[in-house]
C-alpha cells in the first residue's frame, strides 16, 4: 500500500492538536497513516516549522503507542519520537505494560536515548 499525504493533512496539523488527535484516534486507518507521514515533515527541523503545540504532539504520539492501534503505525510513532524528541517520555514510562511485545525494544530505546550535550 502506498501512503501519501496531501494539503488536507498539512492543514489538519496546522489547525492544532485537537484536529490531529481526532484523526489519530479515529477509525480511518489510511488517514492515520497519512497524518503520521505528514507529521514527519512538520516535526523535522529541516523544514523550519515551529508548531506551538509540538510538546502536545509528542504526548499524543506516546499515547498513540500505548493505545490499541496497528503495530506498523505505532512503530512509525516511535520512529517520530526517536528522530524529533528527547526523553523523558512519561506516558511511555508509566505504561510499559501496555506496549506490545514486538515494540518494547524500540520503546525502551526511545526512553533511554541520551540527550546531546
PDB file of N, CA and C in Angstrom:
ATOM      1  N   UNK A   1       0.831  -1.175   0.000  1.00  0.00           N
ATOM      2  CA  UNK A   1       0.000   0.000   0.000  1.00  0.00           C
ATOM      3  C   UNK A   1       0.886   1.252   0.000  1.00  0.00           C
ATOM      4  N   UNK A   2       0.580   2.163  -0.877  1.00  0.00           N
ATOM      5  CA  UNK A   2       1.322   3.409  -0.972  1.00  0.00           C
ATOM      6  C   UNK A   2       0.675   4.440  -0.044  1.00  0.00           C
ATOM      7  N   UNK A   3       1.494   5.065   0.775  1.00  0.00           N
ATOM      8  CA  UNK A   3       0.999   6.070   1.706  1.00  0.00           C
ATOM      9  C   UNK A   3       1.460   7.437   1.226  1.00  0.00           C
ATOM     10  N   UNK A   4       0.537   8.370   1.222  1.00  0.00           N
ATOM     11  CA  UNK A   4       0.888   9.737   0.860  1.00  0.00           C
ATOM     12  C   UNK A   4       0.055  10.685   1.694  1.00  0.00           C
ATOM     13  N   UNK A   5       0.483  11.928   1.733  1.00  0.00           N
ATOM     14  CA  UNK A   5      -0.311  12.937   2.404  1.00  0.00           C
ATOM     15  C   UNK A   5      -0.536  14.090   1.435  1.00  0.00           C
ATOM     16  N   UNK A   6      -1.544  14.869   1.736  1.00  0.00           N
ATOM     17  CA  UNK A   6      -1.914  15.975   0.863  1.00  0.00           C
ATOM     18  C   UNK A   6      -1.971  17.269   1.666  1.00  0.00           C
ATOM     19  N   UNK A   7      -2.354  18.320   1.002  1.00  0.00           N
ATOM     20  CA  UNK A   7      -2.524  19.615   1.657  1.00  0.00           C
ATOM     21  C   UNK A   7      -3.547  19.502   2.794  1.00  0.00           C
ATOM     22  N   UNK A   8      -4.521  18.625   2.624  1.00  0.00           N
ATOM     23  CA  UNK A   8      -5.529  18.402   3.667  1.00  0.00           C
ATOM     24  C   UNK A   8      -4.870  17.978   4.977  1.00  0.00           C
ATOM     25  N   UNK A   9      -3.883  17.104   4.899  1.00  0.00           N
ATOM     26  CA  UNK A   9      -3.197  16.631   6.102  1.00  0.00           C
ATOM     27  C   UNK A   9      -2.346  17.736   6.715  1.00  0.00           C
ATOM     28  N   UNK A  10      -1.714  18.526   5.872  1.00  0.00           N
ATOM     29  CA  UNK A  10      -0.951  19.676   6.364  1.00  0.00           C
ATOM     30  C   UNK A  10      -1.863  20.642   7.114  1.00  0.00           C
ATOM     31  N   UNK A  11      -3.042  20.874   6.580  1.00  0.00           N
ATOM     32  CA  UNK A  11      -3.994  21.791   7.235  1.00  0.00           C
ATOM     33  C   UNK A  11      -4.461  21.231   8.571  1.00  0.00           C
ATOM     34  N   UNK A  12      -4.653  19.924   8.635  1.00  0.00           N
ATOM     35  CA  UNK A  12      -5.046  19.302   9.908  1.00  0.00           C
ATOM     36  C   UNK A  12      -3.979  19.584  10.954  1.00  0.00           C
ATOM     37  N   UNK A  13      -2.723  19.390  10.587  1.00  0.00           N
ATOM     38  CA  UNK A  13      -1.633  19.616  11.536  1.00  0.00           C
ATOM     39  C   UNK A  13      -1.556  21.088  11.923  1.00  0.00           C
ATOM     40  N   UNK A  14      -1.740  21.975  10.986  1.00  0.00           N
ATOM     41  CA  UNK A  14      -1.670  23.400  11.266  1.00  0.00           C
ATOM     42  C   UNK A  14      -2.882  23.904  12.047  1.00  0.00           C
ATOM     43  N   UNK A  15      -3.979  23.174  12.006  1.00  0.00           N
ATOM     44  CA  UNK A  15      -5.183  23.565  12.744  1.00  0.00           C
ATOM     45  C   UNK A  15      -4.973  23.434  14.239  1.00  0.00           C
ATOM     46  N   UNK A  16      -4.246  22.398  14.664  1.00  0.00           N
ATOM     47  CA  UNK A  16      -3.977  22.261  16.085  1.00  0.00           C
ATOM     48  C   UNK A  16      -4.073  20.844  16.592  1.00  0.00           C
ATOM     49  N   UNK A  17      -3.774  20.711  17.860  1.00  0.00           N
ATOM     50  CA  UNK A  17      -3.668  19.401  18.484  1.00  0.00           C
ATOM     51  C   UNK A  17      -5.004  18.657  18.502  1.00  0.00           C
ATOM     52  N   UNK A  18      -6.112  19.374  18.640  1.00  0.00           N
ATOM     53  CA  UNK A  18      -7.416  18.706  18.661  1.00  0.00           C
ATOM     54  C   UNK A  18      -7.702  18.027  17.325  1.00  0.00           C
ATOM     55  N   UNK A  19      -7.370  18.710  16.229  1.00  0.00           N
ATOM     56  CA  UNK A  19      -7.593  18.137  14.899  1.00  0.00           C
ATOM     57  C   UNK A  19      -6.691  16.927  14.667  1.00  0.00           C
ATOM     58  N   UNK A  20      -5.453  17.025  15.109  1.00  0.00           N
ATOM     59  CA  UNK A  20      -4.514  15.908  14.979  1.00  0.00           C
ATOM     60  C   UNK A  20      -5.015  14.714  15.782  1.00  0.00           C
ATOM     61  N   UNK A  21      -5.426  14.974  17.011  1.00  0.00           N
ATOM     62  CA  UNK A  21      -5.924  13.916  17.883  1.00  0.00           C
ATOM     63  C   UNK A  21      -7.159  13.236  17.298  1.00  0.00           C
ATOM     64  N   UNK A  22      -8.032  14.022  16.715  1.00  0.00           N
ATOM     65  CA  UNK A  22      -9.264  13.464  16.135  1.00  0.00           C
ATOM     66  C   UNK A  22      -8.931  12.443  15.047  1.00  0.00           C
ATOM     67  N   UNK A  23      -7.949  12.750  14.213  1.00  0.00           N
ATOM     68  CA  UNK A  23      -7.574  11.814  13.149  1.00  0.00           C
ATOM     69  C   UNK A  23      -6.866  10.595  13.734  1.00  0.00           C
ATOM     70  N   UNK A  24      -5.875  10.825  14.606  1.00  0.00           N
ATOM     71  CA  UNK A  24      -5.107   9.698  15.138  1.00  0.00           C
ATOM     72  C   UNK A  24      -5.952   8.766  16.007  1.00  0.00           C
ATOM     73  N   UNK A  25      -7.000   9.283  16.602  1.00  0.00           N
ATOM     74  CA  UNK A  25      -7.871   8.445  17.424  1.00  0.00           C
ATOM     75  C   UNK A  25      -9.137   8.020  16.694  1.00  0.00           C
ATOM     76  N   UNK A  26      -9.225   8.354  15.419  1.00  0.00           N
ATOM     77  CA  UNK A  26     -10.384   7.982  14.615  1.00  0.00           C
ATOM     78  C   UNK A  26     -10.283   6.562  14.080  1.00  0.00           C
ATOM     79  N   UNK A  27     -11.234   6.233  13.216  1.00  0.00           N
ATOM     80  CA  UNK A  27     -11.321   4.872  12.683  1.00  0.00           C
ATOM     81  C   UNK A  27     -10.681   4.687  11.316  1.00  0.00           C
ATOM     82  N   UNK A  28     -10.344   5.783  10.623  1.00  0.00           N
ATOM     83  CA  UNK A  28      -9.824   5.701   9.264  1.00  0.00           C
ATOM     84  C   UNK A  28      -8.314   5.433   9.284  1.00  0.00           C
ATOM     85  N   UNK A  29      -7.942   4.183   9.039  1.00  0.00           N
ATOM     86  CA  UNK A  29      -6.534   3.784   9.108  1.00  0.00           C
ATOM     87  C   UNK A  29      -5.683   4.503   8.073  1.00  0.00           C
ATOM     88  N   UNK A  30      -6.225   4.719   6.904  1.00  0.00           N
ATOM     89  CA  UNK A  30      -5.495   5.414   5.847  1.00  0.00           C
ATOM     90  C   UNK A  30      -5.180   6.852   6.255  1.00  0.00           C
ATOM     91  N   UNK A  31      -6.147   7.504   6.868  1.00  0.00           N
ATOM     92  CA  UNK A  31      -5.932   8.886   7.320  1.00  0.00           C
ATOM     93  C   UNK A  31      -4.895   8.941   8.449  1.00  0.00           C
ATOM     94  N   UNK A  32      -4.949   7.984   9.349  1.00  0.00           N
ATOM     95  CA  UNK A  32      -3.953   7.929  10.429  1.00  0.00           C
ATOM     96  C   UNK A  32      -2.550   7.807   9.846  1.00  0.00           C
ATOM     97  N   UNK A  33      -2.414   6.883   8.911  1.00  0.00           N
ATOM     98  CA  UNK A  33      -1.108   6.638   8.320  1.00  0.00           C
ATOM     99  C   UNK A  33      -0.600   7.867   7.562  1.00  0.00           C
ATOM    100  N   UNK A  34      -1.476   8.512   6.826  1.00  0.00           N
ATOM    101  CA  UNK A  34      -1.101   9.715   6.080  1.00  0.00           C
ATOM    102  C   UNK A  34      -0.720  10.850   7.017  1.00  0.00           C
ATOM    103  N   UNK A  35      -1.457  10.997   8.101  1.00  0.00           N
ATOM    104  CA  UNK A  35      -1.151  12.071   9.048  1.00  0.00           C
ATOM    105  C   UNK A  35       0.187  11.820   9.748  1.00  0.00           C
ATOM    106  N   UNK A  36       0.478  10.591  10.104  1.00  0.00           N
ATOM    107  CA  UNK A  36       1.778  10.279  10.707  1.00  0.00           C
ATOM    108  C   UNK A  36       2.910  10.619   9.743  1.00  0.00           C
ATOM    109  N   UNK A  37       2.729  10.312   8.480  1.00  0.00           N
ATOM    110  CA  UNK A  37       3.731  10.639   7.474  1.00  0.00           C
ATOM    111  C   UNK A  37       3.901  12.155   7.360  1.00  0.00           C
ATOM    112  N   UNK A  38       2.808  12.874   7.378  1.00  0.00           N
ATOM    113  CA  UNK A  38       2.848  14.332   7.292  1.00  0.00           C
ATOM    114  C   UNK A  38       3.500  14.930   8.546  1.00  0.00           C
ATOM    115  N   UNK A  39       3.263  14.337   9.686  1.00  0.00           N
ATOM    116  CA  UNK A  39       3.901  14.817  10.917  1.00  0.00           C
ATOM    117  C   UNK A  39       5.417  14.772  10.815  1.00  0.00           C
ATOM    118  N   UNK A  40       5.936  13.822  10.074  1.00  0.00           N
ATOM    119  CA  UNK A  40       7.379  13.737   9.882  1.00  0.00           C
ATOM    120  C   UNK A  40       7.908  15.044   9.297  1.00  0.00           C
ATOM    121  N   UNK A  41       7.198  15.605   8.353  1.00  0.00           N
ATOM    122  CA  UNK A  41       7.611  16.882   7.749  1.00  0.00           C
ATOM    123  C   UNK A  41       7.530  18.025   8.760  1.00  0.00           C
ATOM    124  N   UNK A  42       6.469  18.069   9.516  1.00  0.00           N
ATOM    125  CA  UNK A  42       6.265  19.186  10.445  1.00  0.00           C
ATOM    126  C   UNK A  42       7.167  19.124  11.674  1.00  0.00           C
ATOM    127  N   UNK A  43       7.611  17.942  12.056  1.00  0.00           N
ATOM    128  CA  UNK A  43       8.496  17.810  13.215  1.00  0.00           C
ATOM    129  C   UNK A  43       9.973  17.935  12.838  1.00  0.00           C
ATOM    130  N   UNK A  44      10.290  17.693  11.587  1.00  0.00           N
ATOM    131  CA  UNK A  44      11.678  17.741  11.124  1.00  0.00           C
ATOM    132  C   UNK A  44      12.171  19.190  11.089  1.00  0.00           C
ATOM    133  N   UNK A  45      13.209  19.515  11.861  1.00  0.00           N
ATOM    134  CA  UNK A  45      13.703  20.902  11.897  1.00  0.00           C
ATOM    135  C   UNK A  45      14.170  21.418  10.535  1.00  0.00           C
ATOM    136  N   UNK A  46      14.526  20.531   9.644  1.00  0.00           N
ATOM    137  CA  UNK A  46      14.984  20.931   8.305  1.00  0.00           C
ATOM    138  C   UNK A  46      13.961  21.818   7.597  1.00  0.00           C
ATOM    139  N   UNK A  47      12.689  21.519   7.791  1.00  0.00           N
ATOM    140  CA  UNK A  47      11.638  22.258   7.092  1.00  0.00           C
ATOM    141  C   UNK A  47      11.251  23.557   7.779  1.00  0.00           C
ATOM    142  N   UNK A  48      11.727  23.783   8.987  1.00  0.00           N
ATOM    143  CA  UNK A  48      11.546  25.066   9.657  1.00  0.00           C
ATOM    144  C   UNK A  48      10.189  25.332  10.286  1.00  0.00           C
ATOM    145  N   UNK A  49       9.368  24.331  10.435  1.00  0.00           N
ATOM    146  CA  UNK A  49       8.076  24.539  11.100  1.00  0.00           C
ATOM    147  C   UNK A  49       8.298  24.630  12.598  1.00  0.00           C
ATOM    148  N   UNK A  50       7.630  25.553  13.231  1.00  0.00           N
ATOM    149  CA  UNK A  50       7.675  25.669  14.690  1.00  0.00           C
ATOM    150  C   UNK A  50       6.242  25.682  15.196  1.00  0.00           C
ATOM    151  N   UNK A  51       5.754  24.521  15.516  1.00  0.00           N
ATOM    152  CA  UNK A  51       4.385  24.393  15.997  1.00  0.00           C
ATOM    153  C   UNK A  51       4.347  24.697  17.489  1.00  0.00           C
ATOM    154  N   UNK A  52       3.476  25.618  17.913  1.00  0.00           N
ATOM    155  CA  UNK A  52       3.432  25.967  19.332  1.00  0.00           C
ATOM    156  C   UNK A  52       2.945  24.815  20.213  1.00  0.00           C
ATOM    157  N   UNK A  53       2.374  23.805  19.618  1.00  0.00           N
ATOM    158  CA  UNK A  53       1.837  22.663  20.364  1.00  0.00           C
ATOM    159  C   UNK A  53       2.648  21.396  20.066  1.00  0.00           C
ATOM    160  N   UNK A  54       3.924  21.569  19.735  1.00  0.00           N
ATOM    161  CA  UNK A  54       4.763  20.413  19.423  1.00  0.00           C
ATOM    162  C   UNK A  54       4.869  19.468  20.621  1.00  0.00           C
ATOM    163  N   UNK A  55       4.990  20.010  21.825  1.00  0.00           N
ATOM    164  CA  UNK A  55       5.081  19.153  23.012  1.00  0.00           C
ATOM    165  C   UNK A  55       3.812  18.303  23.173  1.00  0.00           C
ATOM    166  N   UNK A  56       2.666  18.893  22.853  1.00  0.00           N
ATOM    167  CA  UNK A  56       1.413  18.136  22.930  1.00  0.00           C
ATOM    168  C   UNK A  56       1.376  17.028  21.881  1.00  0.00           C
ATOM    169  N   UNK A  57       1.983  17.282  20.719  1.00  0.00           N
ATOM    170  CA  UNK A  57       2.074  16.240  19.691  1.00  0.00           C
ATOM    171  C   UNK A  57       2.918  15.075  20.218  1.00  0.00           C
ATOM    172  N   UNK A  58       4.013  15.390  20.879  1.00  0.00           N
ATOM    173  CA  UNK A  58       4.886  14.352  21.434  1.00  0.00           C
ATOM    174  C   UNK A  58       4.122  13.522  22.469  1.00  0.00           C
ATOM    175  N   UNK A  59       3.319  14.174  23.294  1.00  0.00           N
ATOM    176  CA  UNK A  59       2.493  13.450  24.273  1.00  0.00           C
ATOM    177  C   UNK A  59       1.443  12.599  23.574  1.00  0.00           C
ATOM    178  N   UNK A  60       0.840  13.146  22.529  1.00  0.00           N
ATOM    179  CA  UNK A  60      -0.163  12.409  21.769  1.00  0.00           C
ATOM    180  C   UNK A  60       0.445  11.168  21.115  1.00  0.00           C
ATOM    181  N   UNK A  61       1.648  11.300  20.572  1.00  0.00           N
ATOM    182  CA  UNK A  61       2.317  10.141  19.970  1.00  0.00           C
ATOM    183  C   UNK A  61       2.590   9.066  21.017  1.00  0.00           C
ATOM    184  N   UNK A  62       2.964   9.469  22.216  1.00  0.00           N
ATOM    185  CA  UNK A  62       3.194   8.492  23.289  1.00  0.00           C
ATOM    186  C   UNK A  62       1.901   7.739  23.611  1.00  0.00           C
ATOM    187  N   UNK A  63       0.811   8.466  23.700  1.00  0.00           N
ATOM    188  CA  UNK A  63      -0.483   7.837  23.974  1.00  0.00           C
ATOM    189  C   UNK A  63      -0.880   6.912  22.829  1.00  0.00           C
ATOM    190  N   UNK A  64      -0.622   7.343  21.605  1.00  0.00           N
ATOM    191  CA  UNK A  64      -0.915   6.530  20.420  1.00  0.00           C
ATOM    192  C   UNK A  64      -0.186   5.187  20.508  1.00  0.00           C
ATOM    193  N   UNK A  65       1.038   5.213  20.975  1.00  0.00           N
ATOM    194  CA  UNK A  65       1.844   3.999  21.089  1.00  0.00           C
ATOM    195  C   UNK A  65       1.290   3.066  22.162  1.00  0.00           C
ATOM    196  N   UNK A  66       0.698   3.614  23.206  1.00  0.00           N
ATOM    197  CA  UNK A  66       0.196   2.773  24.299  1.00  0.00           C
ATOM    198  C   UNK A  66      -1.245   2.311  24.078  1.00  0.00           C
ATOM    199  N   UNK A  67      -1.934   2.917  23.119  1.00  0.00           N
ATOM    200  CA  UNK A  67      -3.318   2.536  22.831  1.00  0.00           C
ATOM    201  C   UNK A  67      -3.364   1.412  21.794  1.00  0.00           C
ATOM    202  N   UNK A  68      -4.563   0.990  21.458  1.00  0.00           N
ATOM    203  CA  UNK A  68      -4.754  -0.107  20.523  1.00  0.00           C
ATOM    204  C   UNK A  68      -4.824   0.418  19.089  1.00  0.00           C
ATOM    205  N   UNK A  69      -3.659   0.500  18.452  1.00  0.00           N
ATOM    206  CA  UNK A  69      -3.561   0.921  17.054  1.00  0.00           C
ATOM    207  C   UNK A  69      -2.720  -0.119  16.322  1.00  0.00           C
ATOM    208  N   UNK A  70      -2.769  -0.121  14.991  1.00  0.00           N
ATOM    209  CA  UNK A  70      -1.945  -1.084  14.246  1.00  0.00           C
ATOM    210  C   UNK A  70      -0.457  -0.935  14.583  1.00  0.00           C
ATOM    211  N   UNK A  71       0.196  -2.052  14.726  1.00  0.00           N
ATOM    212  CA  UNK A  71       1.601  -2.089  15.130  1.00  0.00           C
ATOM    213  C   UNK A  71       2.485  -1.249  14.213  1.00  0.00           C
ATOM    214  N   UNK A  72       2.262  -1.327  12.909  1.00  0.00           N
ATOM    215  CA  UNK A  72       3.095  -0.582  11.969  1.00  0.00           C
ATOM    216  C   UNK A  72       2.979   0.916  12.210  1.00  0.00           C
ATOM    217  N   UNK A  73       1.796   1.380  12.521  1.00  0.00           N
ATOM    218  CA  UNK A  73       1.588   2.801  12.790  1.00  0.00           C
ATOM    219  C   UNK A  73       2.223   3.199  14.119  1.00  0.00           C
ATOM    220  N   UNK A  74       2.142   2.324  15.084  1.00  0.00           N
ATOM    221  CA  UNK A  74       2.796   2.595  16.362  1.00  0.00           C
ATOM    222  C   UNK A  74       4.312   2.659  16.168  1.00  0.00           C
ATOM    223  N   UNK A  75       4.834   1.799  15.311  1.00  0.00           N
ATOM    224  CA  UNK A  75       6.270   1.830  15.026  1.00  0.00           C
ATOM    225  C   UNK A  75       6.640   3.168  14.379  1.00  0.00           C
ATOM    226  N   UNK A  76       5.797   3.689  13.518  1.00  0.00           N
ATOM    227  CA  UNK A  76       6.033   4.999  12.911  1.00  0.00           C
ATOM    228  C   UNK A  76       6.049   6.078  13.986  1.00  0.00           C
ATOM    229  N   UNK A  77       5.123   6.005  14.929  1.00  0.00           N
ATOM    230  CA  UNK A  77       5.080   6.984  16.020  1.00  0.00           C
ATOM    231  C   UNK A  77       6.353   6.914  16.871  1.00  0.00           C
ATOM    232  N   UNK A  78       6.830   5.713  17.139  1.00  0.00           N
ATOM    233  CA  UNK A  78       8.085   5.547  17.885  1.00  0.00           C
ATOM    234  C   UNK A  78       9.231   6.180  17.098  1.00  0.00           C
ATOM    235  N   UNK A  79       9.248   5.930  15.816  1.00  0.00           N
ATOM    236  CA  UNK A  79      10.284   6.492  14.945  1.00  0.00           C
ATOM    237  C   UNK A  79      10.281   8.024  15.014  1.00  0.00           C
ATOM    238  N   UNK A  80       9.093   8.624  15.004  1.00  0.00           N
ATOM    239  CA  UNK A  80       8.991  10.085  15.109  1.00  0.00           C
ATOM    240  C   UNK A  80       9.567  10.573  16.441  1.00  0.00           C
ATOM    241  N   UNK A  81       9.276   9.865  17.508  1.00  0.00           N
ATOM    242  CA  UNK A  81       9.828  10.246  18.810  1.00  0.00           C
ATOM    243  C   UNK A  81      11.352  10.157  18.812  1.00  0.00           C
ATOM    244  N   UNK A  82      11.868   9.076  18.266  1.00  0.00           N
ATOM    245  CA  UNK A  82      13.313   8.878  18.261  1.00  0.00           C
ATOM    246  C   UNK A  82      14.002   9.951  17.416  1.00  0.00           C
ATOM    247  N   UNK A  83      13.394  10.327  16.316  1.00  0.00           N
ATOM    248  CA  UNK A  83      14.004  11.322  15.434  1.00  0.00           C
ATOM    249  C   UNK A  83      13.892  12.760  15.947  1.00  0.00           C
ATOM    250  N   UNK A  84      12.751  13.097  16.581  1.00  0.00           N
ATOM    251  CA  UNK A  84      12.459  14.511  16.802  1.00  0.00           C
ATOM    252  C   UNK A  84      12.168  14.920  18.244  1.00  0.00           C
ATOM    253  N   UNK A  85      12.330  14.018  19.174  1.00  0.00           N
ATOM    254  CA  UNK A  85      12.031  14.362  20.568  1.00  0.00           C
ATOM    255  C   UNK A  85      13.094  13.737  21.467  1.00  0.00           C
ATOM    256  N   UNK A  86      13.102  14.189  22.710  1.00  0.00           N
ATOM    257  CA  UNK A  86      14.031  13.639  23.698  1.00  0.00           C
ATOM    258  C   UNK A  86      13.274  13.256  24.957  1.00  0.00           C
ATOM    259  N   UNK A  87      13.759  12.221  25.627  1.00  0.00           N
ATOM    260  CA  UNK A  87      13.141  11.866  26.900  1.00  0.00           C
ATOM    261  C   UNK A  87      13.240  13.028  27.881  1.00  0.00           C
ATOM    262  N   UNK A  88      12.429  13.040  28.870  1.00  0.00           N
ATOM    263  CA  UNK A  88      11.608  11.909  29.306  1.00  0.00           C
ATOM    264  C   UNK A  88      10.324  11.773  28.480  1.00  0.00           C
ATOM    265  N   UNK A  89       9.853  10.540  28.390  1.00  0.00           N
ATOM    266  CA  UNK A  89       8.588  10.201  27.760  1.00  0.00           C
ATOM    267  C   UNK A  89       7.692   9.601  28.851  1.00  0.00           C
ATOM    268  N   UNK A  90       7.089  10.448  29.666  1.00  0.00           N
ATOM    269  CA  UNK A  90       6.378   9.965  30.861  1.00  0.00           C
ATOM    270  C   UNK A  90       5.229   9.010  30.573  1.00  0.00           C
ATOM    271  N   UNK A  91       4.530   9.216  29.481  1.00  0.00           N
ATOM    272  CA  UNK A  91       3.395   8.329  29.173  1.00  0.00           C
ATOM    273  C   UNK A  91       3.900   6.934  28.841  1.00  0.00           C
ATOM    274  N   UNK A  92       4.962   6.858  28.073  1.00  0.00           N
ATOM    275  CA  UNK A  92       5.544   5.544  27.761  1.00  0.00           C
ATOM    276  C   UNK A  92       6.087   4.874  29.019  1.00  0.00           C
ATOM    277  N   UNK A  93       6.804   5.654  29.828  1.00  0.00           N
ATOM    278  CA  UNK A  93       7.408   5.096  31.032  1.00  0.00           C
ATOM    279  C   UNK A  93       6.362   4.534  31.994  1.00  0.00           C
ATOM    280  N   UNK A  94       5.232   5.228  32.115  1.00  0.00           N
ATOM    281  CA  UNK A  94       4.179   4.784  33.048  1.00  0.00           C
ATOM    282  C   UNK A  94       3.331   3.649  32.492  1.00  0.00           C
ATOM    283  N   UNK A  95       3.422   3.405  31.189  1.00  0.00           N
ATOM    284  CA  UNK A  95       2.547   2.426  30.554  1.00  0.00           C
ATOM    285  C   UNK A  95       3.304   1.338  29.803  1.00  0.00           C
ATOM    286  N   UNK A  96       4.474   0.986  30.281  1.00  0.00           N
ATOM    287  CA  UNK A  96       5.252  -0.062  29.616  1.00  0.00           C
ATOM    288  C   UNK A  96       4.484  -1.376  29.525  1.00  0.00           C
ATOM    289  N   UNK A  97       3.619  -1.617  30.476  1.00  0.00           N
ATOM    290  CA  UNK A  97       2.825  -2.846  30.466  1.00  0.00           C
ATOM    291  C   UNK A  97       1.798  -2.871  29.336  1.00  0.00           C
ATOM    292  N   UNK A  98       1.519  -1.726  28.711  1.00  0.00           N
ATOM    293  CA  UNK A  98       0.563  -1.652  27.606  1.00  0.00           C
ATOM    294  C   UNK A  98       1.241  -1.727  26.238  1.00  0.00           C
ATOM    295  N   UNK A  99       2.566  -1.758  26.226  1.00  0.00           N
ATOM    296  CA  UNK A  99       3.315  -1.795  24.971  1.00  0.00           C
ATOM    297  C   UNK A  99       3.315  -3.214  24.425  1.00  0.00           C
ATOM    298  N   UNK A 100       3.031  -3.339  23.137  1.00  0.00           N
ATOM    299  CA  UNK A 100       3.068  -4.654  22.505  1.00  0.00           C
ATOM    300  C   UNK A 100       4.489  -5.210  22.594  1.00  0.00           C
ATOM    301  N   UNK A 101       4.614  -6.502  22.841  1.00  0.00           N
ATOM    302  CA  UNK A 101       5.950  -7.105  22.998  1.00  0.00           C
ATOM    303  C   UNK A 101       6.890  -6.793  21.831  1.00  0.00           C
ATOM    304  N   UNK A 102       6.368  -6.776  20.619  1.00  0.00           N
ATOM    305  CA  UNK A 102       7.221  -6.538  19.452  1.00  0.00           C
ATOM    306  C   UNK A 102       7.700  -5.086  19.348  1.00  0.00           C
ATOM    307  N   UNK A 103       7.118  -4.194  20.151  1.00  0.00           N
ATOM    308  CA  UNK A 103       7.516  -2.781  20.146  1.00  0.00           C
ATOM    309  C   UNK A 103       8.340  -2.400  21.377  1.00  0.00           C
ATOM    310  N   UNK A 104       8.401  -3.292  22.338  1.00  0.00           N
ATOM    311  CA  UNK A 104       9.022  -2.966  23.624  1.00  0.00           C
ATOM    312  C   UNK A 104      10.494  -2.557  23.493  1.00  0.00           C
ATOM    313  N   UNK A 105      11.249  -3.235  22.656  1.00  0.00           N
ATOM    314  CA  UNK A 105      12.673  -2.885  22.499  1.00  0.00           C
ATOM    315  C   UNK A 105      12.822  -1.474  21.925  1.00  0.00           C
ATOM    316  N   UNK A 106      12.017  -1.124  20.941  1.00  0.00           N
ATOM    317  CA  UNK A 106      12.088   0.219  20.346  1.00  0.00           C
ATOM    318  C   UNK A 106      11.661   1.286  21.340  1.00  0.00           C
ATOM    319  N   UNK A 107      10.630   1.006  22.112  1.00  0.00           N
ATOM    320  CA  UNK A 107      10.168   1.959  23.120  1.00  0.00           C
ATOM    321  C   UNK A 107      11.230   2.148  24.193  1.00  0.00           C
ATOM    322  N   UNK A 108      11.838   1.058  24.619  1.00  0.00           N
ATOM    323  CA  UNK A 108      12.906   1.139  25.621  1.00  0.00           C
ATOM    324  C   UNK A 108      14.081   1.949  25.086  1.00  0.00           C
ATOM    325  N   UNK A 109      14.425   1.749  23.819  1.00  0.00           N
ATOM    326  CA  UNK A 109      15.491   2.544  23.199  1.00  0.00           C
ATOM    327  C   UNK A 109      15.149   4.028  23.221  1.00  0.00           C
ATOM    328  N   UNK A 110      13.903   4.358  22.908  1.00  0.00           N
ATOM    329  CA  UNK A 110      13.478   5.760  22.907  1.00  0.00           C
ATOM    330  C   UNK A 110      13.569   6.355  24.311  1.00  0.00           C
ATOM    331  N   UNK A 111      13.082   5.628  25.282  1.00  0.00           N
ATOM    332  CA  UNK A 111      13.095   6.107  26.672  1.00  0.00           C
ATOM    333  C   UNK A 111      14.521   6.348  27.165  1.00  0.00           C
ATOM    334  N   UNK A 112      15.452   5.515  26.704  1.00  0.00           N
ATOM    335  CA  UNK A 112      16.830   5.575  27.193  1.00  0.00           C
ATOM    336  C   UNK A 112      17.783   6.345  26.298  1.00  0.00           C
ATOM    337  N   UNK A 113      17.257   7.088  25.337  1.00  0.00           N
ATOM    338  CA  UNK A 113      18.141   7.886  24.478  1.00  0.00           C
ATOM    339  C   UNK A 113      18.896   8.913  25.304  1.00  0.00           C
ATOM    340  N   UNK A 114      20.130   9.143  24.910  1.00  0.00           N
ATOM    341  CA  UNK A 114      20.932  10.180  25.544  1.00  0.00           C
ATOM    342  C   UNK A 114      20.705  11.504  24.833  1.00  0.00           C
ATOM    343  N   UNK A 115      20.505  12.535  25.604  1.00  0.00           N
ATOM    344  CA  UNK A 115      20.345  13.875  25.048  1.00  0.00           C
ATOM    345  C   UNK A 115      21.723  14.374  24.624  1.00  0.00           C
ATOM    346  N   UNK A 116      21.812  15.013  23.439  1.00  0.00           N
ATOM    347  CA  UNK A 116      23.129  15.515  23.038  1.00  0.00           C
ATOM    348  C   UNK A 116      23.614  16.613  23.972  1.00  0.00           C
ATOM    349  N   UNK A 117      24.884  16.686  24.152  1.00  0.00           N
ATOM    350  CA  UNK A 117      25.445  17.675  25.073  1.00  0.00           C
ATOM    351  C   UNK A 117      25.748  18.964  24.364  1.00  0.00           C
TER     352      UNK A 117
END
